[in-house]
């Protein structure tokens, strides 16, 4: 009986230690609650694939923000390629990942190799995943791994005042909204 009591004590003590440890290391990367419809989107100040600084607050039109995992994700590449068919009349599209600028360029090249043309929107580099964290789309599944900091696949449609009018955050990176669903979100932003 004494052995069982010792094991129980160790399990309780270890659990308390890990709970305390986890609280002590919390940082912005633990934010996994996405920005919600109706909220004003956080500011973005990121460099695009051409090396230009993009600030969300300087845009005065609806915006579609696409968070994608990285250049190596085939589901992300397929989704970004599909966005070529959206005519950007009255709104802009930006795709965000933690990839450095050279990887953004590689992503654009990879998409264009399918023979259907280049994408006409900017890819934004979010090294350190600050914007990923600010939008609450950090994927904790990869915490501590080489790809720590990647976002969940997510799309936010913002009106010209930066208010989120439509959002989709996928818990399964293989499942993405259709272009028709995204177009409905864009229509809400254009009102």
N, C-alpha and C. Protein backbone atom coordinates (compact mmCIF):
# COMPACT_ATOMS: atom_id res chain seq x y z
N UNK A 1 0.82 -1.19 0.00
CA UNK A 1 0.00 0.00 0.00
C UNK A 1 0.86 1.26 0.00
N UNK A 2 1.97 1.22 0.71
CA UNK A 2 2.85 2.38 0.77
C UNK A 2 3.40 2.73 -0.63
N UNK A 3 3.72 1.73 -1.42
CA UNK A 3 4.22 1.93 -2.77
C UNK A 3 3.21 2.70 -3.61
N UNK A 4 1.93 2.34 -3.52
CA UNK A 4 0.87 3.01 -4.27
C UNK A 4 0.75 4.47 -3.84
N UNK A 5 0.87 4.73 -2.54
CA UNK A 5 0.81 6.10 -2.04
C UNK A 5 1.97 6.94 -2.59
N UNK A 6 3.16 6.34 -2.66
CA UNK A 6 4.32 7.04 -3.19
C UNK A 6 4.11 7.37 -4.67
N UNK A 7 3.60 6.42 -5.43
CA UNK A 7 3.33 6.64 -6.86
C UNK A 7 2.29 7.75 -7.02
N UNK A 8 1.23 7.71 -6.23
CA UNK A 8 0.19 8.73 -6.32
C UNK A 8 0.77 10.11 -6.00
N UNK A 9 1.59 10.19 -4.97
CA UNK A 9 2.23 11.46 -4.60
C UNK A 9 3.09 11.98 -5.74
N UNK A 10 3.90 11.09 -6.32
CA UNK A 10 4.77 11.50 -7.43
C UNK A 10 3.97 11.99 -8.63
N UNK A 11 2.87 11.32 -8.93
CA UNK A 11 2.05 11.75 -10.05
C UNK A 11 1.43 13.12 -9.79
N UNK A 12 0.94 13.32 -8.58
CA UNK A 12 0.37 14.64 -8.24
C UNK A 12 1.43 15.72 -8.25
N UNK A 13 2.57 15.42 -7.67
CA UNK A 13 3.65 16.42 -7.61
C UNK A 13 4.15 16.75 -9.01
N UNK A 14 4.32 15.73 -9.85
CA UNK A 14 4.78 15.95 -11.22
C UNK A 14 3.77 16.77 -12.00
N UNK A 15 2.48 16.48 -11.84
CA UNK A 15 1.44 17.25 -12.52
C UNK A 15 1.47 18.70 -12.10
N UNK A 16 1.62 18.96 -10.81
CA UNK A 16 1.69 20.34 -10.33
C UNK A 16 2.92 21.03 -10.87
N UNK A 17 4.04 20.33 -10.94
CA UNK A 17 5.27 20.91 -11.46
C UNK A 17 5.08 21.33 -12.92
N UNK A 18 4.50 20.43 -13.72
CA UNK A 18 4.32 20.74 -15.13
C UNK A 18 3.31 21.87 -15.33
N UNK A 19 2.25 21.91 -14.50
CA UNK A 19 1.29 23.01 -14.60
C UNK A 19 1.99 24.33 -14.30
N UNK A 20 2.79 24.36 -13.25
CA UNK A 20 3.53 25.57 -12.88
C UNK A 20 4.52 25.95 -13.96
N UNK A 21 5.22 24.97 -14.50
CA UNK A 21 6.20 25.21 -15.55
C UNK A 21 5.53 25.79 -16.78
N UNK A 22 4.40 25.21 -17.17
CA UNK A 22 3.69 25.69 -18.36
C UNK A 22 3.21 27.13 -18.17
N UNK A 23 2.75 27.47 -16.97
CA UNK A 23 2.32 28.84 -16.72
C UNK A 23 3.51 29.79 -16.81
N UNK A 24 4.66 29.34 -16.35
CA UNK A 24 5.85 30.18 -16.35
C UNK A 24 6.39 30.46 -17.73
N UNK A 25 6.13 29.59 -18.71
CA UNK A 25 6.69 29.80 -20.05
C UNK A 25 5.69 30.37 -21.03
N UNK A 26 4.50 30.71 -20.53
CA UNK A 26 3.50 31.21 -21.47
C UNK A 26 3.99 32.51 -22.12
N UNK A 27 3.72 32.64 -23.38
CA UNK A 27 4.04 33.85 -24.13
C UNK A 27 2.96 34.03 -25.18
N UNK A 28 3.16 34.94 -26.10
CA UNK A 28 2.14 35.22 -27.10
C UNK A 28 1.79 34.00 -27.94
N UNK A 29 2.71 33.04 -28.04
CA UNK A 29 2.44 31.88 -28.89
C UNK A 29 1.37 30.98 -28.31
N UNK A 30 0.96 31.20 -27.09
CA UNK A 30 -0.09 30.37 -26.52
C UNK A 30 -1.48 30.90 -26.89
N UNK A 31 -1.53 32.03 -27.56
CA UNK A 31 -2.82 32.58 -27.95
C UNK A 31 -3.37 31.77 -29.12
N UNK A 32 -4.40 31.04 -28.87
CA UNK A 32 -4.98 30.21 -29.92
C UNK A 32 -6.45 30.53 -30.15
N UNK A 33 -6.93 31.64 -29.58
CA UNK A 33 -8.30 32.09 -29.82
C UNK A 33 -8.28 33.12 -30.94
N UNK A 34 -8.82 32.78 -32.08
CA UNK A 34 -8.75 33.69 -33.23
C UNK A 34 -9.54 34.98 -33.03
N UNK A 35 -9.14 35.99 -33.74
CA UNK A 35 -9.91 37.23 -33.82
C UNK A 35 -11.29 36.85 -34.36
N UNK A 36 -12.31 37.44 -33.79
CA UNK A 36 -13.68 37.05 -34.14
C UNK A 36 -14.34 38.07 -35.08
N UNK A 37 -15.36 37.59 -35.76
CA UNK A 37 -16.18 38.45 -36.60
C UNK A 37 -16.75 39.56 -35.72
N UNK A 38 -16.66 40.79 -36.21
CA UNK A 38 -17.13 41.95 -35.47
C UNK A 38 -16.01 42.71 -34.78
N UNK A 39 -14.88 42.04 -34.57
CA UNK A 39 -13.73 42.71 -33.94
C UNK A 39 -12.91 43.44 -35.00
N UNK A 40 -12.18 44.46 -34.54
CA UNK A 40 -11.25 45.15 -35.42
C UNK A 40 -9.96 44.32 -35.46
N UNK A 41 -9.47 44.10 -36.64
CA UNK A 41 -8.26 43.28 -36.82
C UNK A 41 -7.04 44.01 -36.26
N UNK A 42 -6.11 43.26 -35.69
CA UNK A 42 -4.85 43.87 -35.24
C UNK A 42 -4.09 44.49 -36.41
N UNK A 43 -3.25 45.45 -36.10
CA UNK A 43 -2.41 46.07 -37.13
C UNK A 43 -1.44 45.04 -37.70
N UNK A 44 -1.15 45.19 -38.96
CA UNK A 44 -0.14 44.37 -39.63
C UNK A 44 0.91 45.32 -40.17
N UNK A 45 2.14 44.97 -39.98
CA UNK A 45 3.26 45.73 -40.53
C UNK A 45 4.31 44.70 -40.94
N UNK A 46 4.16 44.20 -42.17
CA UNK A 46 5.00 43.11 -42.65
C UNK A 46 5.60 43.44 -44.02
N UNK A 47 6.70 42.78 -44.33
CA UNK A 47 7.35 42.96 -45.63
C UNK A 47 6.83 41.91 -46.59
N UNK A 48 6.55 42.35 -47.83
CA UNK A 48 6.04 41.42 -48.83
C UNK A 48 7.18 40.79 -49.63
N UNK A 49 6.80 39.94 -50.58
CA UNK A 49 7.78 39.20 -51.38
C UNK A 49 8.63 40.11 -52.25
N UNK A 50 8.21 41.36 -52.46
CA UNK A 50 9.01 42.32 -53.24
C UNK A 50 9.87 43.20 -52.34
N UNK A 51 9.80 42.96 -51.03
CA UNK A 51 10.60 43.75 -50.09
C UNK A 51 9.94 45.03 -49.63
N UNK A 52 8.67 45.23 -49.95
CA UNK A 52 7.94 46.45 -49.56
C UNK A 52 7.21 46.23 -48.25
N UNK A 53 7.15 47.26 -47.42
CA UNK A 53 6.42 47.21 -46.16
C UNK A 53 4.93 47.41 -46.42
N UNK A 54 4.12 46.51 -45.88
CA UNK A 54 2.67 46.58 -46.00
C UNK A 54 2.11 46.83 -44.61
N UNK A 55 1.35 47.92 -44.48
CA UNK A 55 0.69 48.25 -43.21
C UNK A 55 -0.81 48.21 -43.44
N UNK A 56 -1.49 47.43 -42.66
CA UNK A 56 -2.93 47.30 -42.81
C UNK A 56 -3.64 48.64 -42.62
N UNK A 57 -3.16 49.44 -41.68
CA UNK A 57 -3.81 50.72 -41.40
C UNK A 57 -3.69 51.72 -42.54
N UNK A 58 -2.77 51.49 -43.47
CA UNK A 58 -2.61 52.43 -44.60
C UNK A 58 -3.51 52.06 -45.78
N UNK A 59 -4.19 50.94 -45.68
CA UNK A 59 -5.09 50.51 -46.76
C UNK A 59 -6.49 51.03 -46.46
N UNK A 60 -7.16 51.49 -47.47
CA UNK A 60 -8.51 52.01 -47.28
C UNK A 60 -9.49 51.25 -48.16
N UNK A 61 -9.38 49.93 -48.10
CA UNK A 61 -10.26 49.07 -48.88
C UNK A 61 -10.37 47.73 -48.17
N UNK A 62 -11.39 46.94 -48.51
CA UNK A 62 -11.50 45.62 -47.91
C UNK A 62 -10.26 44.76 -48.21
N UNK A 63 -9.96 43.86 -47.28
CA UNK A 63 -8.76 43.03 -47.40
C UNK A 63 -9.12 41.58 -47.05
N UNK A 64 -8.54 40.66 -47.80
CA UNK A 64 -8.63 39.24 -47.48
C UNK A 64 -7.24 38.82 -47.00
N UNK A 65 -7.17 38.35 -45.76
CA UNK A 65 -5.91 37.86 -45.20
C UNK A 65 -5.95 36.34 -45.17
N UNK A 66 -4.99 35.72 -45.82
CA UNK A 66 -4.90 34.27 -45.88
C UNK A 66 -3.66 33.86 -45.09
N UNK A 67 -3.85 33.15 -44.00
CA UNK A 67 -2.72 32.62 -43.25
C UNK A 67 -2.45 31.21 -43.76
N UNK A 68 -1.23 31.00 -44.24
CA UNK A 68 -0.88 29.67 -44.73
C UNK A 68 0.36 29.18 -43.99
N UNK A 69 0.50 27.87 -43.93
CA UNK A 69 1.50 27.24 -43.08
C UNK A 69 2.93 27.53 -43.53
N UNK A 70 3.25 27.29 -44.76
CA UNK A 70 4.61 27.54 -45.27
C UNK A 70 4.72 27.07 -46.71
N UNK A 71 5.83 27.37 -47.31
CA UNK A 71 6.10 27.02 -48.71
C UNK A 71 6.03 25.52 -48.97
N UNK A 72 6.25 24.70 -47.97
CA UNK A 72 6.31 23.25 -48.14
C UNK A 72 4.94 22.58 -48.04
N UNK A 73 3.88 23.32 -47.74
CA UNK A 73 2.56 22.74 -47.53
C UNK A 73 1.79 22.65 -48.85
N UNK A 74 1.56 21.43 -49.38
CA UNK A 74 0.87 21.31 -50.67
C UNK A 74 -0.58 21.80 -50.62
N UNK A 75 -1.24 21.68 -49.48
CA UNK A 75 -2.61 22.17 -49.35
C UNK A 75 -2.65 23.69 -49.44
N UNK A 76 -1.64 24.32 -48.86
CA UNK A 76 -1.54 25.79 -48.90
C UNK A 76 -1.26 26.27 -50.32
N UNK A 77 -0.34 25.60 -50.99
CA UNK A 77 0.01 25.97 -52.37
C UNK A 77 -1.22 25.86 -53.27
N UNK A 78 -1.96 24.79 -53.09
CA UNK A 78 -3.18 24.60 -53.90
C UNK A 78 -4.18 25.72 -53.63
N UNK A 79 -4.37 26.06 -52.35
CA UNK A 79 -5.32 27.12 -52.02
C UNK A 79 -4.87 28.47 -52.58
N UNK A 80 -3.60 28.80 -52.43
CA UNK A 80 -3.09 30.07 -52.96
C UNK A 80 -3.26 30.12 -54.48
N UNK A 81 -3.03 29.00 -55.13
CA UNK A 81 -3.20 28.94 -56.59
C UNK A 81 -4.64 29.21 -56.98
N UNK A 82 -5.59 28.70 -56.20
CA UNK A 82 -7.01 28.93 -56.49
C UNK A 82 -7.37 30.41 -56.41
N UNK A 83 -6.68 31.15 -55.56
CA UNK A 83 -6.99 32.57 -55.40
C UNK A 83 -6.69 33.38 -56.65
N UNK A 84 -5.96 32.80 -57.60
CA UNK A 84 -5.70 33.51 -58.87
C UNK A 84 -6.99 33.84 -59.59
N UNK A 85 -8.03 33.04 -59.37
CA UNK A 85 -9.29 33.25 -60.10
C UNK A 85 -10.14 34.38 -59.51
N UNK A 86 -9.79 34.85 -58.31
CA UNK A 86 -10.55 35.96 -57.72
C UNK A 86 -10.09 37.27 -58.34
N UNK A 87 -11.00 37.99 -58.92
CA UNK A 87 -10.70 39.31 -59.48
C UNK A 87 -10.68 40.30 -58.33
N UNK A 88 -9.55 40.96 -58.12
CA UNK A 88 -9.41 41.86 -57.00
C UNK A 88 -9.93 43.26 -57.34
N UNK A 89 -11.22 43.34 -57.54
CA UNK A 89 -11.86 44.63 -57.83
C UNK A 89 -12.42 45.19 -56.53
N UNK A 90 -11.78 46.22 -55.99
CA UNK A 90 -12.26 46.86 -54.78
C UNK A 90 -11.78 46.24 -53.49
N UNK A 91 -10.93 45.23 -53.56
CA UNK A 91 -10.36 44.62 -52.36
C UNK A 91 -8.97 44.09 -52.69
N UNK A 92 -8.21 43.77 -51.65
CA UNK A 92 -6.86 43.23 -51.84
C UNK A 92 -6.71 41.93 -51.07
N UNK A 93 -5.83 41.09 -51.57
CA UNK A 93 -5.52 39.81 -50.93
C UNK A 93 -4.07 39.84 -50.48
N UNK A 94 -3.84 39.37 -49.26
CA UNK A 94 -2.48 39.19 -48.74
C UNK A 94 -2.42 37.82 -48.10
N UNK A 95 -1.37 37.07 -48.40
CA UNK A 95 -1.17 35.75 -47.80
C UNK A 95 0.03 35.83 -46.86
N UNK A 96 -0.14 35.35 -45.64
CA UNK A 96 0.85 35.51 -44.58
C UNK A 96 1.35 34.16 -44.10
N UNK A 97 2.67 34.06 -43.97
CA UNK A 97 3.29 32.86 -43.38
C UNK A 97 4.58 33.29 -42.67
N UNK A 98 5.14 32.41 -41.84
CA UNK A 98 6.41 32.72 -41.19
C UNK A 98 7.61 32.62 -42.12
N UNK A 99 7.38 32.26 -43.37
CA UNK A 99 8.48 32.09 -44.33
C UNK A 99 9.28 33.38 -44.51
N UNK A 100 10.60 33.26 -44.65
CA UNK A 100 11.41 34.44 -45.01
C UNK A 100 11.13 34.83 -46.46
N UNK A 101 11.57 36.01 -46.84
CA UNK A 101 11.26 36.56 -48.17
C UNK A 101 11.70 35.64 -49.30
N UNK A 102 12.87 35.01 -49.19
CA UNK A 102 13.31 34.13 -50.28
C UNK A 102 12.36 32.94 -50.45
N UNK A 103 11.77 32.47 -49.37
CA UNK A 103 10.80 31.37 -49.46
C UNK A 103 9.48 31.86 -50.07
N UNK A 104 9.13 33.11 -49.81
CA UNK A 104 7.92 33.67 -50.42
C UNK A 104 8.08 33.67 -51.94
N UNK A 105 9.25 34.08 -52.40
CA UNK A 105 9.52 34.08 -53.84
C UNK A 105 9.47 32.67 -54.40
N UNK A 106 10.01 31.72 -53.64
CA UNK A 106 9.97 30.31 -54.04
C UNK A 106 8.52 29.82 -54.15
N UNK A 107 7.69 30.26 -53.23
CA UNK A 107 6.27 29.88 -53.25
C UNK A 107 5.59 30.39 -54.51
N UNK A 108 5.85 31.65 -54.84
CA UNK A 108 5.26 32.22 -56.06
C UNK A 108 5.72 31.46 -57.30
N UNK A 109 6.99 31.14 -57.35
CA UNK A 109 7.53 30.39 -58.49
C UNK A 109 6.90 29.00 -58.57
N UNK A 110 6.75 28.35 -57.43
CA UNK A 110 6.15 27.01 -57.38
C UNK A 110 4.72 27.04 -57.92
N UNK A 111 3.97 28.05 -57.54
CA UNK A 111 2.58 28.17 -58.00
C UNK A 111 2.54 28.41 -59.51
N UNK A 112 3.40 29.27 -60.01
CA UNK A 112 3.40 29.61 -61.45
C UNK A 112 3.81 28.43 -62.32
N UNK A 113 4.52 27.47 -61.75
CA UNK A 113 4.98 26.31 -62.54
C UNK A 113 3.84 25.42 -63.02
N UNK A 114 2.63 25.63 -62.50
CA UNK A 114 1.52 24.79 -62.97
C UNK A 114 1.00 25.23 -64.33
N UNK A 115 1.58 26.32 -64.89
CA UNK A 115 1.21 26.77 -66.21
C UNK A 115 -0.04 27.62 -66.27
N UNK A 116 -0.63 27.95 -65.12
CA UNK A 116 -1.87 28.73 -65.09
C UNK A 116 -1.63 30.18 -64.71
N UNK A 117 -0.37 30.58 -64.69
CA UNK A 117 -0.04 31.97 -64.42
C UNK A 117 0.43 32.21 -63.00
N UNK A 118 0.90 33.43 -62.81
CA UNK A 118 1.39 33.83 -61.50
C UNK A 118 0.24 34.33 -60.64
N UNK A 119 0.47 34.39 -59.34
CA UNK A 119 -0.52 34.99 -58.46
C UNK A 119 -0.33 36.51 -58.49
N UNK A 120 -1.42 37.23 -58.33
CA UNK A 120 -1.36 38.69 -58.46
C UNK A 120 -1.47 39.39 -57.11
N UNK A 121 -1.27 38.67 -56.04
CA UNK A 121 -1.35 39.26 -54.71
C UNK A 121 -0.04 39.04 -53.98
N UNK A 122 0.16 39.82 -52.93
CA UNK A 122 1.42 39.77 -52.18
C UNK A 122 1.41 38.66 -51.14
N UNK A 123 2.59 38.05 -50.99
CA UNK A 123 2.84 37.14 -49.89
C UNK A 123 3.63 37.93 -48.85
N UNK A 124 3.25 37.82 -47.59
CA UNK A 124 3.88 38.58 -46.53
C UNK A 124 4.66 37.67 -45.59
N UNK A 125 5.85 38.12 -45.22
CA UNK A 125 6.72 37.37 -44.33
C UNK A 125 6.47 37.79 -42.88
N UNK A 126 6.18 36.80 -42.04
CA UNK A 126 5.93 37.03 -40.61
C UNK A 126 6.93 36.24 -39.78
N UNK A 127 8.24 36.59 -39.87
CA UNK A 127 9.23 35.85 -39.10
C UNK A 127 8.98 36.10 -37.62
N UNK A 128 9.04 35.05 -36.83
CA UNK A 128 8.74 35.18 -35.42
C UNK A 128 7.25 35.05 -35.13
N UNK A 129 6.45 35.00 -36.15
CA UNK A 129 5.00 34.74 -36.06
C UNK A 129 4.22 35.74 -35.20
N UNK A 130 4.65 36.98 -35.15
CA UNK A 130 3.93 37.98 -34.36
C UNK A 130 2.50 38.18 -34.86
N UNK A 131 2.34 38.30 -36.17
CA UNK A 131 1.00 38.49 -36.72
C UNK A 131 0.15 37.23 -36.55
N UNK A 132 0.77 36.07 -36.73
CA UNK A 132 0.09 34.80 -36.48
C UNK A 132 -0.47 34.81 -35.06
N UNK A 133 0.35 35.24 -34.10
CA UNK A 133 -0.07 35.28 -32.70
C UNK A 133 -1.14 36.34 -32.47
N UNK A 134 -0.95 37.53 -33.07
CA UNK A 134 -1.91 38.62 -32.88
C UNK A 134 -3.31 38.23 -33.36
N UNK A 135 -3.38 37.44 -34.42
CA UNK A 135 -4.67 36.99 -34.94
C UNK A 135 -5.19 35.73 -34.26
N UNK A 136 -4.38 35.16 -33.36
CA UNK A 136 -4.82 33.99 -32.60
C UNK A 136 -4.91 32.72 -33.41
N UNK A 137 -4.05 32.57 -34.43
CA UNK A 137 -4.10 31.38 -35.27
C UNK A 137 -2.85 30.51 -35.14
N UNK A 138 -2.06 30.76 -34.10
CA UNK A 138 -0.88 29.93 -33.83
C UNK A 138 -1.32 28.49 -33.63
N UNK A 139 -0.64 27.56 -34.26
CA UNK A 139 -0.97 26.14 -34.14
C UNK A 139 -0.04 25.49 -33.11
N UNK A 140 -0.55 25.21 -31.90
CA UNK A 140 0.29 24.66 -30.83
C UNK A 140 0.72 23.22 -31.08
N UNK A 141 0.16 22.59 -32.09
CA UNK A 141 0.54 21.21 -32.41
C UNK A 141 2.04 21.09 -32.66
N UNK A 142 2.65 22.16 -33.16
CA UNK A 142 4.05 22.11 -33.54
C UNK A 142 4.98 22.84 -32.56
N UNK A 143 4.49 23.14 -31.38
CA UNK A 143 5.29 23.85 -30.37
C UNK A 143 6.58 23.09 -30.08
N UNK A 144 7.67 23.81 -30.10
CA UNK A 144 8.97 23.21 -29.80
C UNK A 144 9.61 22.46 -30.95
N UNK A 145 8.91 22.34 -32.06
CA UNK A 145 9.46 21.64 -33.21
C UNK A 145 10.10 22.64 -34.17
N UNK A 146 10.74 22.13 -35.18
CA UNK A 146 11.42 22.99 -36.16
C UNK A 146 10.46 23.99 -36.81
N UNK A 147 9.21 23.61 -36.97
CA UNK A 147 8.24 24.49 -37.62
C UNK A 147 7.36 25.23 -36.61
N UNK A 148 7.80 25.33 -35.37
CA UNK A 148 7.07 26.08 -34.34
C UNK A 148 6.79 27.49 -34.86
N UNK A 149 5.57 27.93 -34.70
CA UNK A 149 5.19 29.26 -35.16
C UNK A 149 4.30 29.27 -36.37
N UNK A 150 4.08 28.09 -36.98
CA UNK A 150 3.21 28.09 -38.15
C UNK A 150 1.75 28.32 -37.73
N UNK A 151 0.99 28.94 -38.60
CA UNK A 151 -0.41 29.20 -38.27
C UNK A 151 -1.31 28.04 -38.67
N UNK A 152 -2.47 28.05 -38.09
CA UNK A 152 -3.54 27.20 -38.63
C UNK A 152 -3.94 27.84 -39.96
N UNK A 153 -4.45 27.04 -40.87
CA UNK A 153 -4.94 27.60 -42.13
C UNK A 153 -6.14 28.48 -41.78
N UNK A 154 -6.06 29.75 -42.12
CA UNK A 154 -7.12 30.68 -41.72
C UNK A 154 -7.29 31.78 -42.76
N UNK A 155 -8.51 32.28 -42.84
CA UNK A 155 -8.83 33.39 -43.73
C UNK A 155 -9.69 34.38 -42.95
N UNK A 156 -9.31 35.64 -43.04
CA UNK A 156 -10.09 36.72 -42.44
C UNK A 156 -10.42 37.72 -43.54
N UNK A 157 -11.69 38.08 -43.65
CA UNK A 157 -12.10 39.11 -44.58
C UNK A 157 -12.43 40.35 -43.75
N UNK A 158 -11.77 41.46 -44.09
CA UNK A 158 -11.93 42.71 -43.35
C UNK A 158 -12.57 43.76 -44.22
N UNK A 159 -13.42 44.57 -43.62
CA UNK A 159 -13.97 45.69 -44.38
C UNK A 159 -12.94 46.83 -44.41
N UNK A 160 -13.27 47.94 -45.02
CA UNK A 160 -12.29 49.03 -45.19
C UNK A 160 -11.88 49.65 -43.86
N UNK A 161 -12.66 49.41 -42.80
CA UNK A 161 -12.33 49.93 -41.47
C UNK A 161 -11.59 48.88 -40.62
N UNK A 162 -11.15 47.80 -41.23
CA UNK A 162 -10.40 46.71 -40.59
C UNK A 162 -11.27 45.83 -39.69
N UNK A 163 -12.58 45.95 -39.77
CA UNK A 163 -13.45 45.09 -38.99
C UNK A 163 -13.58 43.74 -39.69
N UNK A 164 -13.46 42.67 -38.91
CA UNK A 164 -13.59 41.31 -39.46
C UNK A 164 -15.07 41.06 -39.75
N UNK A 165 -15.38 40.77 -41.02
CA UNK A 165 -16.77 40.50 -41.41
C UNK A 165 -17.00 39.02 -41.72
N UNK A 166 -15.92 38.29 -41.93
CA UNK A 166 -16.02 36.86 -42.22
C UNK A 166 -14.69 36.23 -41.84
N UNK A 167 -14.75 35.03 -41.26
CA UNK A 167 -13.52 34.34 -40.88
C UNK A 167 -13.71 32.84 -40.96
N UNK A 168 -12.62 32.17 -41.25
CA UNK A 168 -12.59 30.71 -41.25
C UNK A 168 -11.22 30.27 -40.75
N UNK A 169 -11.20 29.55 -39.64
CA UNK A 169 -9.96 29.01 -39.09
C UNK A 169 -10.11 27.50 -39.07
N UNK A 170 -9.27 26.81 -39.84
CA UNK A 170 -9.37 25.36 -39.96
C UNK A 170 -8.54 24.66 -38.89
N UNK A 171 -9.16 23.80 -38.13
CA UNK A 171 -8.43 22.99 -37.16
C UNK A 171 -7.72 21.84 -37.88
N UNK A 172 -8.22 21.50 -39.05
CA UNK A 172 -7.60 20.47 -39.89
C UNK A 172 -7.05 21.17 -41.13
N UNK A 173 -5.73 21.24 -41.25
CA UNK A 173 -5.12 22.00 -42.35
C UNK A 173 -5.49 21.46 -43.73
N UNK A 174 -6.05 20.27 -43.80
CA UNK A 174 -6.43 19.70 -45.09
C UNK A 174 -7.80 20.21 -45.55
N UNK A 175 -8.56 20.80 -44.63
CA UNK A 175 -9.90 21.28 -44.96
C UNK A 175 -9.89 22.79 -45.05
N UNK A 176 -10.28 23.30 -46.22
CA UNK A 176 -10.27 24.74 -46.49
C UNK A 176 -11.64 25.16 -47.00
N UNK A 177 -12.02 26.41 -46.78
CA UNK A 177 -13.30 26.87 -47.34
C UNK A 177 -13.21 26.94 -48.86
N UNK A 178 -14.36 26.85 -49.49
CA UNK A 178 -14.41 26.95 -50.95
C UNK A 178 -14.27 28.41 -51.37
N UNK A 179 -13.95 28.62 -52.62
CA UNK A 179 -13.90 29.98 -53.15
C UNK A 179 -15.26 30.66 -53.07
N UNK A 180 -16.32 29.88 -53.25
CA UNK A 180 -17.67 30.45 -53.17
C UNK A 180 -17.94 30.98 -51.76
N UNK A 181 -17.53 30.24 -50.74
CA UNK A 181 -17.71 30.70 -49.36
C UNK A 181 -16.90 31.97 -49.11
N UNK A 182 -15.70 32.01 -49.63
CA UNK A 182 -14.84 33.18 -49.45
C UNK A 182 -15.44 34.38 -50.18
N UNK A 183 -15.99 34.15 -51.37
CA UNK A 183 -16.63 35.24 -52.13
C UNK A 183 -17.81 35.83 -51.36
N UNK A 184 -18.54 34.99 -50.63
CA UNK A 184 -19.64 35.47 -49.80
C UNK A 184 -19.09 36.41 -48.73
N UNK A 185 -17.96 36.04 -48.15
CA UNK A 185 -17.31 36.91 -47.15
C UNK A 185 -16.87 38.23 -47.76
N UNK A 186 -16.32 38.15 -48.96
CA UNK A 186 -15.87 39.37 -49.64
C UNK A 186 -17.07 40.27 -49.93
N UNK A 187 -18.19 39.67 -50.33
CA UNK A 187 -19.40 40.47 -50.60
C UNK A 187 -19.84 41.23 -49.35
N UNK A 188 -19.71 40.61 -48.18
CA UNK A 188 -20.06 41.29 -46.93
C UNK A 188 -19.15 42.50 -46.70
N UNK A 189 -17.89 42.37 -47.03
CA UNK A 189 -16.92 43.45 -46.82
C UNK A 189 -17.15 44.60 -47.80
N UNK A 190 -17.72 44.31 -48.94
CA UNK A 190 -17.90 45.31 -49.99
C UNK A 190 -19.15 46.16 -49.77
N UNK A 191 -20.00 45.77 -48.85
CA UNK A 191 -21.27 46.50 -48.61
C UNK A 191 -21.00 47.89 -48.09
